[in-house]
Every structure is written in C-alpha cells, then in structure tokens.
Amino acid sequence: MLIKKINLKEISPRKMPGRDIFDLINKDILGAIKLSMEITKIEHGQVVKPCHSHKAEEVAYVISGKGRVWVDGMMADLLEGDAILWPSGSKHCVKNIGEKQLILLCTFSTPEYQKDYKNYEKVNPFSTE
C-alpha cells in the first residue's frame, strides 16, 4: 500500500476573506474519500467572512491563539487546546480576539465540503464588537 502524505510547507494558502486556508487532505490532495482536513490561519482582529454553512460536520481544534465563535446565534470563546463541533448545516463564523495569529486544525466529514458551501452575507454577529 502506498503511504500518502503531505507537509504544510508544501502548500500554498487559499486566500479567503479574513483567513488563509491550507488544504492538507481532500479528494484532490491525497485522494481522500470520506473526509478532508485543513489548517486555517486568522490574523489578529480578523473575522472569517462571510458566515457560512455546509452539509459536512466540521471539527476544529485550536492549535494556538484565542478566538470567538458564533454558531446559529450563540457565542463562545475558543482558547488554545479547545475543540469544537459545528453540526451539519449550522451557520458559523470565527473572529480572532487574541494578540497573536489564531490557528485552527479543521476536519470535515466529506472530502468535498465546499461543494455545498452556503454564504450568509447579511449575518454579521461581530459588527458590534
């Protein structure tokens, strides 16, 4: 069996509003058939825009930094070492509220979660902060 691997240093970021995404594992990278994984980096004060949803469940682990997450109308702070589950179809977004870069390891329950990505441009839960 062939061992499939990739190193973060080999990946160019996918620039998205408020964040850089480093796709580690998906259908196109390493040929995943049941999941995908990425590193998301959010700079100080930045917000992942727009709020969005997808059919895939998403699990995020905070590698470093401090953030605030909004999920379907509820807020919670994220600290280094925390893990969070975004349920399938939930509207969500994240803001870096710390002084250093917020780095998340995100795993999705499908290799092509972006196929059903829905944006909610009018949802702006961090507008009053």
Foldseek 3Di string as FASTA:
>chain_A
DDDFFDDQVVFDWDDAFQWTKTWGDFCVRSNDFWKTKIKIKGFAFTKHPDFKAFQWKKKKAWCAAKKWKAKQHDIDIDHHGDMDIRHGGITMMMTGHGNGMTMIMMMTRGRCRVVGMGHDRPDDVPPVD
